[in-house]
């Protein structure tokens, strides 16, 4: 989903909507699982 939007087109509104799709526990699992994702994508996931 993040890749589909693109690094330059990511907006706070999109990130807020994405953040609401998963619980805090789920986000921690996603962060761990995404450790080898593309740098900018991982940074967004870490922030979320």
ModelCIF file with pLDDT and N, C-alpha, C, O atoms, coordinates in Angstrom:
data_MODEL
#
_entry.id   MODEL 
#
_entity.id                         1 
_entity.type                       polymer 
_entity.pdbx_number_of_molecules   1 
#
_entity_poly.entity_id                      1 
_entity_poly.type                           'polypeptide(L)' 
_entity_poly.nstd_linkage                   no 
_entity_poly.nstd_monomer                   no 
_entity_poly.pdbx_seq_one_letter_code       
;(UNK)(UNK)(UNK)(UNK)(UNK)(UNK)(UNK)(UNK)(UNK)(UNK)(UNK)(UNK)(UNK)(UNK)(UNK)(UNK)
(UNK)(UNK)(UNK)(UNK)(UNK)(UNK)(UNK)(UNK)(UNK)(UNK)(UNK)(UNK)(UNK)(UNK)(UNK)(UNK)
(UNK)(UNK)(UNK)(UNK)(UNK)(UNK)(UNK)(UNK)(UNK)(UNK)(UNK)(UNK)(UNK)(UNK)(UNK)(UNK)
;
_entity_poly.pdbx_seq_one_letter_code_can   XXXXXXXXXXXXXXXXXXXXXXXXXXXXXXXXXXXXXXXXXXXXXXXX 
_entity_poly.pdbx_strand_id                 A 
#
loop_
_entity_poly_seq.entity_id 
_entity_poly_seq.num 
_entity_poly_seq.mon_id 
_entity_poly_seq.hetero 
1 1  UNK n 
1 2  UNK n 
1 3  UNK n 
1 4  UNK n 
1 5  UNK n 
1 6  UNK n 
1 7  UNK n 
1 8  UNK n 
1 9  UNK n 
1 10 UNK n 
1 11 UNK n 
1 12 UNK n 
1 13 UNK n 
1 14 UNK n 
1 15 UNK n 
1 16 UNK n 
1 17 UNK n 
1 18 UNK n 
1 19 UNK n 
1 20 UNK n 
1 21 UNK n 
1 22 UNK n 
1 23 UNK n 
1 24 UNK n 
1 25 UNK n 
1 26 UNK n 
1 27 UNK n 
1 28 UNK n 
1 29 UNK n 
1 30 UNK n 
1 31 UNK n 
1 32 UNK n 
1 33 UNK n 
1 34 UNK n 
1 35 UNK n 
1 36 UNK n 
1 37 UNK n 
1 38 UNK n 
1 39 UNK n 
1 40 UNK n 
1 41 UNK n 
1 42 UNK n 
1 43 UNK n 
1 44 UNK n 
1 45 UNK n 
1 46 UNK n 
1 47 UNK n 
1 48 UNK n 
#
_struct_asym.id          A 
_struct_asym.entity_id   1 
#
loop_
_ma_qa_metric.id 
_ma_qa_metric.mode 
_ma_qa_metric.name 
_ma_qa_metric.software_group_id 
_ma_qa_metric.type 
1 global pLDDT . pLDDT 
2 local  pLDDT . pLDDT 
#
_ma_qa_metric_global.metric_id      1 
_ma_qa_metric_global.metric_value   93.35 
_ma_qa_metric_global.model_id       1 
_ma_qa_metric_global.ordinal_id     1 
#
loop_
_ma_qa_metric_local.label_asym_id 
_ma_qa_metric_local.label_comp_id 
_ma_qa_metric_local.label_seq_id 
_ma_qa_metric_local.metric_id 
_ma_qa_metric_local.metric_value 
_ma_qa_metric_local.model_id 
_ma_qa_metric_local.ordinal_id 
A UNK 1  2 94.00 1 1  
A UNK 2  2 95.00 1 2  
A UNK 3  2 93.00 1 3  
A UNK 4  2 93.00 1 4  
A UNK 5  2 94.00 1 5  
A UNK 6  2 94.00 1 6  
A UNK 7  2 93.00 1 7  
A UNK 8  2 93.00 1 8  
A UNK 9  2 93.00 1 9  
A UNK 10 2 94.00 1 10 
A UNK 11 2 94.00 1 11 
A UNK 12 2 93.00 1 12 
A UNK 13 2 94.00 1 13 
A UNK 14 2 94.00 1 14 
A UNK 15 2 94.00 1 15 
A UNK 16 2 93.00 1 16 
A UNK 17 2 94.00 1 17 
A UNK 18 2 95.00 1 18 
A UNK 19 2 93.00 1 19 
A UNK 20 2 93.00 1 20 
A UNK 21 2 94.00 1 21 
A UNK 22 2 95.00 1 22 
A UNK 23 2 93.00 1 23 
A UNK 24 2 93.00 1 24 
A UNK 25 2 94.00 1 25 
A UNK 26 2 95.00 1 26 
A UNK 27 2 96.00 1 27 
A UNK 28 2 94.00 1 28 
A UNK 29 2 94.00 1 29 
A UNK 30 2 95.00 1 30 
A UNK 31 2 95.00 1 31 
A UNK 32 2 94.00 1 32 
A UNK 33 2 92.00 1 33 
A UNK 34 2 91.00 1 34 
A UNK 35 2 89.00 1 35 
A UNK 36 2 86.00 1 36 
A UNK 37 2 87.00 1 37 
A UNK 38 2 87.00 1 38 
A UNK 39 2 92.00 1 39 
A UNK 40 2 95.00 1 40 
A UNK 41 2 94.00 1 41 
A UNK 42 2 94.00 1 42 
A UNK 43 2 95.00 1 43 
A UNK 44 2 96.00 1 44 
A UNK 45 2 96.00 1 45 
A UNK 46 2 95.00 1 46 
A UNK 47 2 93.00 1 47 
A UNK 48 2 94.00 1 48 
#
loop_
_atom_site.group_PDB 
_atom_site.id 
_atom_site.type_symbol 
_atom_site.label_atom_id 
_atom_site.label_alt_id 
_atom_site.label_comp_id 
_atom_site.label_asym_id 
_atom_site.label_entity_id 
_atom_site.label_seq_id 
_atom_site.pdbx_PDB_ins_code 
_atom_site.Cartn_x 
_atom_site.Cartn_y 
_atom_site.Cartn_z 
_atom_site.occupancy 
_atom_site.B_iso_or_equiv 
_atom_site.pdbx_formal_charge 
_atom_site.auth_seq_id 
_atom_site.auth_comp_id 
_atom_site.auth_asym_id 
_atom_site.auth_atom_id 
_atom_site.pdbx_PDB_model_num 
ATOM 1   N N  . UNK A 1 1  ? 0.831  -1.203 0.000  1.00 94.00 ? 1  UNK A N  1 
ATOM 2   C CA . UNK A 1 1  ? 0.000  0.000  0.000  1.00 94.00 ? 1  UNK A CA 1 
ATOM 3   C C  . UNK A 1 1  ? 0.866  1.255  0.000  1.00 94.00 ? 1  UNK A C  1 
ATOM 4   O O  . UNK A 1 1  ? 0.603  2.204  -0.738 1.00 94.00 ? 1  UNK A O  1 
ATOM 5   N N  . UNK A 1 2  ? 1.889  1.248  0.825  1.00 95.00 ? 2  UNK A N  1 
ATOM 6   C CA . UNK A 1 2  ? 2.791  2.402  0.903  1.00 95.00 ? 2  UNK A CA 1 
ATOM 7   C C  . UNK A 1 2  ? 3.515  2.596  -0.426 1.00 95.00 ? 2  UNK A C  1 
ATOM 8   O O  . UNK A 1 2  ? 3.634  3.719  -0.915 1.00 95.00 ? 2  UNK A O  1 
ATOM 9   N N  . UNK A 1 3  ? 3.996  1.501  -1.006 1.00 93.00 ? 3  UNK A N  1 
ATOM 10  C CA . UNK A 1 3  ? 4.689  1.580  -2.294 1.00 93.00 ? 3  UNK A CA 1 
ATOM 11  C C  . UNK A 1 3  ? 3.766  2.084  -3.394 1.00 93.00 ? 3  UNK A C  1 
ATOM 12  O O  . UNK A 1 3  ? 4.193  2.827  -4.278 1.00 93.00 ? 3  UNK A O  1 
ATOM 13  N N  . UNK A 1 4  ? 2.494  1.677  -3.338 1.00 93.00 ? 4  UNK A N  1 
ATOM 14  C CA . UNK A 1 4  ? 1.533  2.071  -4.375 1.00 93.00 ? 4  UNK A CA 1 
ATOM 15  C C  . UNK A 1 4  ? 1.306  3.574  -4.373 1.00 93.00 ? 4  UNK A C  1 
ATOM 16  O O  . UNK A 1 4  ? 1.130  4.182  -5.429 1.00 93.00 ? 4  UNK A O  1 
ATOM 17  N N  . UNK A 1 5  ? 1.309  4.182  -3.173 1.00 94.00 ? 5  UNK A N  1 
ATOM 18  C CA . UNK A 1 5  ? 1.145  5.638  -3.081 1.00 94.00 ? 5  UNK A CA 1 
ATOM 19  C C  . UNK A 1 5  ? 2.416  6.352  -3.532 1.00 94.00 ? 5  UNK A C  1 
ATOM 20  O O  . UNK A 1 5  ? 2.353  7.349  -4.252 1.00 94.00 ? 5  UNK A O  1 
ATOM 21  N N  . UNK A 1 6  ? 3.560  5.842  -3.109 1.00 94.00 ? 6  UNK A N  1 
ATOM 22  C CA . UNK A 1 6  ? 4.833  6.452  -3.510 1.00 94.00 ? 6  UNK A CA 1 
ATOM 23  C C  . UNK A 1 6  ? 5.370  7.389  -2.449 1.00 94.00 ? 6  UNK A C  1 
ATOM 24  O O  . UNK A 1 6  ? 4.606  8.069  -1.763 1.00 94.00 ? 6  UNK A O  1 
ATOM 25  N N  . UNK A 1 7  ? 6.687  7.424  -2.315 1.00 93.00 ? 7  UNK A N  1 
ATOM 26  C CA . UNK A 1 7  ? 7.334  8.208  -1.256 1.00 93.00 ? 7  UNK A CA 1 
ATOM 27  C C  . UNK A 1 7  ? 6.958  9.687  -1.296 1.00 93.00 ? 7  UNK A C  1 
ATOM 28  O O  . UNK A 1 7  ? 6.748  10.304 -0.251 1.00 93.00 ? 7  UNK A O  1 
ATOM 29  N N  . UNK A 1 8  ? 6.873  10.257 -2.495 1.00 93.00 ? 8  UNK A N  1 
ATOM 30  C CA . UNK A 1 8  ? 6.606  11.692 -2.647 1.00 93.00 ? 8  UNK A CA 1 
ATOM 31  C C  . UNK A 1 8  ? 5.136  12.049 -2.487 1.00 93.00 ? 8  UNK A C  1 
ATOM 32  O O  . UNK A 1 8  ? 4.800  13.213 -2.268 1.00 93.00 ? 8  UNK A O  1 
ATOM 33  N N  . UNK A 1 9  ? 4.250  11.049 -2.595 1.00 93.00 ? 9  UNK A N  1 
ATOM 34  C CA . UNK A 1 9  ? 2.813  11.320 -2.542 1.00 93.00 ? 9  UNK A CA 1 
ATOM 35  C C  . UNK A 1 9  ? 2.159  10.944 -1.205 1.00 93.00 ? 9  UNK A C  1 
ATOM 36  O O  . UNK A 1 9  ? 0.957  11.137 -1.019 1.00 93.00 ? 9  UNK A O  1 
ATOM 37  N N  . UNK A 1 10 ? 2.951  10.411 -0.288 1.00 94.00 ? 10 UNK A N  1 
ATOM 38  C CA . UNK A 1 10 ? 2.413  10.031 1.019  1.00 94.00 ? 10 UNK A CA 1 
ATOM 39  C C  . UNK A 1 10 ? 1.930  11.278 1.759  1.00 94.00 ? 10 UNK A C  1 
ATOM 40  O O  . UNK A 1 10 ? 2.654  12.270 1.847  1.00 94.00 ? 10 UNK A O  1 
ATOM 41  N N  . UNK A 1 11 ? 0.721  11.228 2.283  1.00 94.00 ? 11 UNK A N  1 
ATOM 42  C CA . UNK A 1 11 ? 0.163  12.366 3.016  1.00 94.00 ? 11 UNK A CA 1 
ATOM 43  C C  . UNK A 1 11 ? -0.167 11.963 4.454  1.00 94.00 ? 11 UNK A C  1 
ATOM 44  O O  . UNK A 1 11 ? -0.359 10.779 4.731  1.00 94.00 ? 11 UNK A O  1 
ATOM 45  N N  . UNK A 1 12 ? -0.234 12.932 5.369  1.00 93.00 ? 12 UNK A N  1 
ATOM 46  C CA . UNK A 1 12 ? -0.621 12.622 6.752  1.00 93.00 ? 12 UNK A CA 1 
ATOM 47  C C  . UNK A 1 12 ? -1.997 11.966 6.812  1.00 93.00 ? 12 UNK A C  1 
ATOM 48  O O  . UNK A 1 12 ? -2.225 11.081 7.637  1.00 93.00 ? 12 UNK A O  1 
ATOM 49  N N  . UNK A 1 13 ? -2.909 12.388 5.952  1.00 94.00 ? 13 UNK A N  1 
ATOM 50  C CA . UNK A 1 13 ? -4.254 11.816 5.931  1.00 94.00 ? 13 UNK A CA 1 
ATOM 51  C C  . UNK A 1 13 ? -4.203 10.325 5.599  1.00 94.00 ? 13 UNK A C  1 
ATOM 52  O O  . UNK A 1 13 ? -4.896 9.520  6.222  1.00 94.00 ? 13 UNK A O  1 
ATOM 53  N N  . UNK A 1 14 ? -3.377 9.963  4.610  1.00 94.00 ? 14 UNK A N  1 
ATOM 54  C CA . UNK A 1 14 ? -3.232 8.550  4.233  1.00 94.00 ? 14 UNK A CA 1 
ATOM 55  C C  . UNK A 1 14 ? -2.631 7.751  5.388  1.00 94.00 ? 14 UNK A C  1 
ATOM 56  O O  . UNK A 1 14 ? -3.089 6.651  5.697  1.00 94.00 ? 14 UNK A O  1 
ATOM 57  N N  . UNK A 1 15 ? -1.602 8.314  6.021  1.00 94.00 ? 15 UNK A N  1 
ATOM 58  C CA . UNK A 1 15 ? -0.941 7.610  7.118  1.00 94.00 ? 15 UNK A CA 1 
ATOM 59  C C  . UNK A 1 15 ? -1.886 7.406  8.296  1.00 94.00 ? 15 UNK A C  1 
ATOM 60  O O  . UNK A 1 15 ? -1.869 6.357  8.940  1.00 94.00 ? 15 UNK A O  1 
ATOM 61  N N  . UNK A 1 16 ? -2.715 8.420  8.576  1.00 93.00 ? 16 UNK A N  1 
ATOM 62  C CA . UNK A 1 16 ? -3.690 8.277  9.667  1.00 93.00 ? 16 UNK A CA 1 
ATOM 63  C C  . UNK A 1 16 ? -4.683 7.160  9.355  1.00 93.00 ? 16 UNK A C  1 
ATOM 64  O O  . UNK A 1 16 ? -5.031 6.362  10.225 1.00 93.00 ? 16 UNK A O  1 
ATOM 65  N N  . UNK A 1 17 ? -5.132 7.114  8.101  1.00 94.00 ? 17 UNK A N  1 
ATOM 66  C CA . UNK A 1 17 ? -6.087 6.080  7.691  1.00 94.00 ? 17 UNK A CA 1 
ATOM 67  C C  . UNK A 1 17 ? -5.449 4.694  7.774  1.00 94.00 ? 17 UNK A C  1 
ATOM 68  O O  . UNK A 1 17 ? -6.086 3.736  8.211  1.00 94.00 ? 17 UNK A O  1 
ATOM 69  N N  . UNK A 1 18 ? -4.192 4.594  7.354  1.00 95.00 ? 18 UNK A N  1 
ATOM 70  C CA . UNK A 1 18 ? -3.484 3.319  7.403  1.00 95.00 ? 18 UNK A CA 1 
ATOM 71  C C  . UNK A 1 18 ? -3.246 2.898  8.847  1.00 95.00 ? 18 UNK A C  1 
ATOM 72  O O  . UNK A 1 18 ? -3.387 1.724  9.186  1.00 95.00 ? 18 UNK A O  1 
ATOM 73  N N  . UNK A 1 19 ? -2.886 3.851  9.692  1.00 93.00 ? 19 UNK A N  1 
ATOM 74  C CA . UNK A 1 19 ? -2.600 3.553  11.097 1.00 93.00 ? 19 UNK A CA 1 
ATOM 75  C C  . UNK A 1 19 ? -3.798 2.921  11.794 1.00 93.00 ? 19 UNK A C  1 
ATOM 76  O O  . UNK A 1 19 ? -3.637 2.063  12.662 1.00 93.00 ? 19 UNK A O  1 
ATOM 77  N N  . UNK A 1 20 ? -4.990 3.344  11.414 1.00 93.00 ? 20 UNK A N  1 
ATOM 78  C CA . UNK A 1 20 ? -6.202 2.854  12.067 1.00 93.00 ? 20 UNK A CA 1 
ATOM 79  C C  . UNK A 1 20 ? -6.583 1.428  11.672 1.00 93.00 ? 20 UNK A C  1 
ATOM 80  O O  . UNK A 1 20 ? -7.461 0.822  12.287 1.00 93.00 ? 20 UNK A O  1 
ATOM 81  N N  . UNK A 1 21 ? -5.929 0.902  10.655 1.00 94.00 ? 21 UNK A N  1 
ATOM 82  C CA . UNK A 1 21 ? -6.285 -0.433 10.168 1.00 94.00 ? 21 UNK A CA 1 
ATOM 83  C C  . UNK A 1 21 ? -5.781 -1.552 11.079 1.00 94.00 ? 21 UNK A C  1 
ATOM 84  O O  . UNK A 1 21 ? -6.258 -2.684 10.998 1.00 94.00 ? 21 UNK A O  1 
ATOM 85  N N  . UNK A 1 22 ? -4.825 -1.239 11.938 1.00 95.00 ? 22 UNK A N  1 
ATOM 86  C CA . UNK A 1 22 ? -4.238 -2.285 12.785 1.00 95.00 ? 22 UNK A CA 1 
ATOM 87  C C  . UNK A 1 22 ? -4.065 -1.797 14.217 1.00 95.00 ? 22 UNK A C  1 
ATOM 88  O O  . UNK A 1 22 ? -3.948 -0.597 14.466 1.00 95.00 ? 22 UNK A O  1 
ATOM 89  N N  . UNK A 1 23 ? -4.051 -2.733 15.147 1.00 93.00 ? 23 UNK A N  1 
ATOM 90  C CA . UNK A 1 23 ? -3.865 -2.407 16.559 1.00 93.00 ? 23 UNK A CA 1 
ATOM 91  C C  . UNK A 1 23 ? -2.379 -2.168 16.849 1.00 93.00 ? 23 UNK A C  1 
ATOM 92  O O  . UNK A 1 23 ? -1.523 -2.420 16.001 1.00 93.00 ? 23 UNK A O  1 
ATOM 93  N N  . UNK A 1 24 ? -2.093 -1.684 18.046 1.00 93.00 ? 24 UNK A N  1 
ATOM 94  C CA . UNK A 1 24 ? -0.711 -1.437 18.442 1.00 93.00 ? 24 UNK A CA 1 
ATOM 95  C C  . UNK A 1 24 ? 0.110  -2.732 18.409 1.00 93.00 ? 24 UNK A C  1 
ATOM 96  O O  . UNK A 1 24 ? 1.259  -2.741 17.968 1.00 93.00 ? 24 UNK A O  1 
ATOM 97  N N  . UNK A 1 25 ? -0.499 -3.817 18.883 1.00 94.00 ? 25 UNK A N  1 
ATOM 98  C CA . UNK A 1 25 ? 0.191  -5.118 18.871 1.00 94.00 ? 25 UNK A CA 1 
ATOM 99  C C  . UNK A 1 25 ? 0.482  -5.551 17.441 1.00 94.00 ? 25 UNK A C  1 
ATOM 100 O O  . UNK A 1 25 ? 1.573  -6.039 17.146 1.00 94.00 ? 25 UNK A O  1 
ATOM 101 N N  . UNK A 1 26 ? -0.486 -5.373 16.560 1.00 95.00 ? 26 UNK A N  1 
ATOM 102 C CA . UNK A 1 26 ? -0.289 -5.748 15.155 1.00 95.00 ? 26 UNK A CA 1 
ATOM 103 C C  . UNK A 1 26 ? 0.806  -4.906 14.510 1.00 95.00 ? 26 UNK A C  1 
ATOM 104 O O  . UNK A 1 26 ? 1.608  -5.416 13.728 1.00 95.00 ? 26 UNK A O  1 
ATOM 105 N N  . UNK A 1 27 ? 0.836  -3.624 14.838 1.00 96.00 ? 27 UNK A N  1 
ATOM 106 C CA . UNK A 1 27 ? 1.869  -2.752 14.257 1.00 96.00 ? 27 UNK A CA 1 
ATOM 107 C C  . UNK A 1 27 ? 3.271  -3.170 14.706 1.00 96.00 ? 27 UNK A C  1 
ATOM 108 O O  . UNK A 1 27 ? 4.220  -3.075 13.929 1.00 96.00 ? 27 UNK A O  1 
ATOM 109 N N  . UNK A 1 28 ? 3.407  -3.623 15.928 1.00 94.00 ? 28 UNK A N  1 
ATOM 110 C CA . UNK A 1 28 ? 4.715  -4.082 16.395 1.00 94.00 ? 28 UNK A CA 1 
ATOM 111 C C  . UNK A 1 28 ? 5.163  -5.323 15.618 1.00 94.00 ? 28 UNK A C  1 
ATOM 112 O O  . UNK A 1 28 ? 6.337  -5.460 15.274 1.00 94.00 ? 28 UNK A O  1 
ATOM 113 N N  . UNK A 1 29 ? 4.218  -6.218 15.348 1.00 94.00 ? 29 UNK A N  1 
ATOM 114 C CA . UNK A 1 29 ? 4.537  -7.410 14.559 1.00 94.00 ? 29 UNK A CA 1 
ATOM 115 C C  . UNK A 1 29 ? 4.896  -7.025 13.123 1.00 94.00 ? 29 UNK A C  1 
ATOM 116 O O  . UNK A 1 29 ? 5.817  -7.585 12.528 1.00 94.00 ? 29 UNK A O  1 
ATOM 117 N N  . UNK A 1 30 ? 4.156  -6.063 12.581 1.00 95.00 ? 30 UNK A N  1 
ATOM 118 C CA . UNK A 1 30 ? 4.420  -5.607 11.214 1.00 95.00 ? 30 UNK A CA 1 
ATOM 119 C C  . UNK A 1 30 ? 5.808  -4.982 11.128 1.00 95.00 ? 30 UNK A C  1 
ATOM 120 O O  . UNK A 1 30 ? 6.550  -5.231 10.178 1.00 95.00 ? 30 UNK A O  1 
ATOM 121 N N  . UNK A 1 31 ? 6.156  -4.171 12.122 1.00 95.00 ? 31 UNK A N  1 
ATOM 122 C CA . UNK A 1 31 ? 7.476  -3.534 12.130 1.00 95.00 ? 31 UNK A CA 1 
ATOM 123 C C  . UNK A 1 31 ? 8.595  -4.573 12.150 1.00 95.00 ? 31 UNK A C  1 
ATOM 124 O O  . UNK A 1 31 ? 9.572  -4.461 11.410 1.00 95.00 ? 31 UNK A O  1 
ATOM 125 N N  . UNK A 1 32 ? 8.444  -5.573 12.995 1.00 94.00 ? 32 UNK A N  1 
ATOM 126 C CA . UNK A 1 32 ? 9.455  -6.628 13.095 1.00 94.00 ? 32 UNK A CA 1 
ATOM 127 C C  . UNK A 1 32 ? 9.572  -7.394 11.780 1.00 94.00 ? 32 UNK A C  1 
ATOM 128 O O  . UNK A 1 32 ? 10.674 -7.677 11.310 1.00 94.00 ? 32 UNK A O  1 
ATOM 129 N N  . UNK A 1 33 ? 8.434  -7.721 11.199 1.00 92.00 ? 33 UNK A N  1 
ATOM 130 C CA . UNK A 1 33 ? 8.400  -8.509 9.961  1.00 92.00 ? 33 UNK A CA 1 
ATOM 131 C C  . UNK A 1 33 ? 8.943  -7.727 8.775  1.00 92.00 ? 33 UNK A C  1 
ATOM 132 O O  . UNK A 1 33 ? 9.473  -8.311 7.830  1.00 92.00 ? 33 UNK A O  1 
ATOM 133 N N  . UNK A 1 34 ? 8.807  -6.383 8.826  1.00 91.00 ? 34 UNK A N  1 
ATOM 134 C CA . UNK A 1 34 ? 9.187  -5.536 7.683  1.00 91.00 ? 34 UNK A CA 1 
ATOM 135 C C  . UNK A 1 34 ? 10.624 -5.029 7.760  1.00 91.00 ? 34 UNK A C  1 
ATOM 136 O O  . UNK A 1 34 ? 10.995 -4.103 7.039  1.00 91.00 ? 34 UNK A O  1 
ATOM 137 N N  . UNK A 1 35 ? 11.424 -5.624 8.621  1.00 89.00 ? 35 UNK A N  1 
ATOM 138 C CA . UNK A 1 35 ? 12.784 -5.122 8.863  1.00 89.00 ? 35 UNK A CA 1 
ATOM 139 C C  . UNK A 1 35 ? 13.659 -5.047 7.609  1.00 89.00 ? 35 UNK A C  1 
ATOM 140 O O  . UNK A 1 35 ? 14.600 -4.255 7.551  1.00 89.00 ? 35 UNK A O  1 
ATOM 141 N N  . UNK A 1 36 ? 13.346 -5.875 6.604  1.00 86.00 ? 36 UNK A N  1 
ATOM 142 C CA . UNK A 1 36 ? 14.155 -5.876 5.384  1.00 86.00 ? 36 UNK A CA 1 
ATOM 143 C C  . UNK A 1 36 ? 13.485 -5.135 4.236  1.00 86.00 ? 36 UNK A C  1 
ATOM 144 O O  . UNK A 1 36 ? 13.925 -5.228 3.090  1.00 86.00 ? 36 UNK A O  1 
ATOM 145 N N  . UNK A 1 37 ? 12.425 -4.402 4.542  1.00 87.00 ? 37 UNK A N  1 
ATOM 146 C CA . UNK A 1 37 ? 11.734 -3.626 3.504  1.00 87.00 ? 37 UNK A CA 1 
ATOM 147 C C  . UNK A 1 37 ? 12.614 -2.457 3.055  1.00 87.00 ? 37 UNK A C  1 
ATOM 148 O O  . UNK A 1 37 ? 13.565 -2.085 3.743  1.00 87.00 ? 37 UNK A O  1 
ATOM 149 N N  . UNK A 1 38 ? 12.290 -1.889 1.904  1.00 87.00 ? 38 UNK A N  1 
ATOM 150 C CA . UNK A 1 38 ? 12.998 -0.717 1.397  1.00 87.00 ? 38 UNK A CA 1 
ATOM 151 C C  . UNK A 1 38 ? 13.071 0.351  2.485  1.00 87.00 ? 38 UNK A C  1 
ATOM 152 O O  . UNK A 1 38 ? 12.110 0.567  3.223  1.00 87.00 ? 38 UNK A O  1 
ATOM 153 N N  . UNK A 1 39 ? 14.225 1.018  2.576  1.00 92.00 ? 39 UNK A N  1 
ATOM 154 C CA . UNK A 1 39 ? 14.498 1.978  3.641  1.00 92.00 ? 39 UNK A CA 1 
ATOM 155 C C  . UNK A 1 39 ? 13.384 2.952  3.972  1.00 92.00 ? 39 UNK A C  1 
ATOM 156 O O  . UNK A 1 39 ? 12.954 3.029  5.123  1.00 92.00 ? 39 UNK A O  1 
ATOM 157 N N  . UNK A 1 40 ? 12.907 3.702  2.976  1.00 95.00 ? 40 UNK A N  1 
ATOM 158 C CA . UNK A 1 40 ? 11.885 4.727  3.247  1.00 95.00 ? 40 UNK A CA 1 
ATOM 159 C C  . UNK A 1 40 ? 10.554 4.109  3.661  1.00 95.00 ? 40 UNK A C  1 
ATOM 160 O O  . UNK A 1 40 ? 9.806  4.692  4.445  1.00 95.00 ? 40 UNK A O  1 
ATOM 161 N N  . UNK A 1 41 ? 10.265 2.924  3.128  1.00 94.00 ? 41 UNK A N  1 
ATOM 162 C CA . UNK A 1 41 ? 9.033  2.220  3.497  1.00 94.00 ? 41 UNK A CA 1 
ATOM 163 C C  . UNK A 1 41 ? 9.117  1.788  4.960  1.00 94.00 ? 41 UNK A C  1 
ATOM 164 O O  . UNK A 1 41 ? 8.159  1.946  5.717  1.00 94.00 ? 41 UNK A O  1 
ATOM 165 N N  . UNK A 1 42 ? 10.265 1.243  5.351  1.00 94.00 ? 42 UNK A N  1 
ATOM 166 C CA . UNK A 1 42 ? 10.428 0.781  6.732  1.00 94.00 ? 42 UNK A CA 1 
ATOM 167 C C  . UNK A 1 42 ? 10.343 1.934  7.720  1.00 94.00 ? 42 UNK A C  1 
ATOM 168 O O  . UNK A 1 42 ? 9.787  1.785  8.808  1.00 94.00 ? 42 UNK A O  1 
ATOM 169 N N  . UNK A 1 43 ? 10.899 3.091  7.341  1.00 95.00 ? 43 UNK A N  1 
ATOM 170 C CA . UNK A 1 43 ? 10.854 4.254  8.237  1.00 95.00 ? 43 UNK A CA 1 
ATOM 171 C C  . UNK A 1 43 ? 9.417  4.684  8.503  1.00 95.00 ? 43 UNK A C  1 
ATOM 172 O O  . UNK A 1 43 ? 9.080  5.072  9.622  1.00 95.00 ? 43 UNK A O  1 
ATOM 173 N N  . UNK A 1 44 ? 8.577  4.616  7.488  1.00 96.00 ? 44 UNK A N  1 
ATOM 174 C CA . UNK A 1 44 ? 7.164  4.962  7.652  1.00 96.00 ? 44 UNK A CA 1 
ATOM 175 C C  . UNK A 1 44 ? 6.487  3.954  8.579  1.00 96.00 ? 44 UNK A C  1 
ATOM 176 O O  . UNK A 1 44 ? 5.723  4.327  9.469  1.00 96.00 ? 44 UNK A O  1 
ATOM 177 N N  . UNK A 1 45 ? 6.779  2.675  8.356  1.00 96.00 ? 45 UNK A N  1 
ATOM 178 C CA . UNK A 1 45 ? 6.186  1.624  9.199  1.00 96.00 ? 45 UNK A CA 1 
ATOM 179 C C  . UNK A 1 45 ? 6.636  1.787  10.646 1.00 96.00 ? 45 UNK A C  1 
ATOM 180 O O  . UNK A 1 45 ? 5.835  1.621  11.566 1.00 96.00 ? 45 UNK A O  1 
ATOM 181 N N  . UNK A 1 46 ? 7.903  2.110  10.853 1.00 95.00 ? 46 UNK A N  1 
ATOM 182 C CA . UNK A 1 46 ? 8.435  2.304  12.210 1.00 95.00 ? 46 UNK A CA 1 
ATOM 183 C C  . UNK A 1 46 ? 7.723  3.465  12.902 1.00 95.00 ? 46 UNK A C  1 
ATOM 184 O O  . UNK A 1 46 ? 7.375  3.370  14.079 1.00 95.00 ? 46 UNK A O  1 
ATOM 185 N N  . UNK A 1 47 ? 7.510  4.551  12.178 1.00 93.00 ? 47 UNK A N  1 
ATOM 186 C CA . UNK A 1 47 ? 6.821  5.712  12.759 1.00 93.00 ? 47 UNK A CA 1 
ATOM 187 C C  . UNK A 1 47 ? 5.382  5.359  13.142 1.00 93.00 ? 47 UNK A C  1 
ATOM 188 O O  . UNK A 1 47 ? 4.895  5.760  14.199 1.00 93.00 ? 47 UNK A O  1 
ATOM 189 N N  . UNK A 1 48 ? 4.711  4.602  12.267 1.00 94.00 ? 48 UNK A N  1 
ATOM 190 C CA . UNK A 1 48 ? 3.329  4.207  12.544 1.00 94.00 ? 48 UNK A CA 1 
ATOM 191 C C  . UNK A 1 48 ? 3.262  3.264  13.751 1.00 94.00 ? 48 UNK A C  1 
ATOM 192 O O  . UNK A 1 48 ? 2.176  2.827  14.133 1.00 94.00 ? 48 UNK A O  1 
#
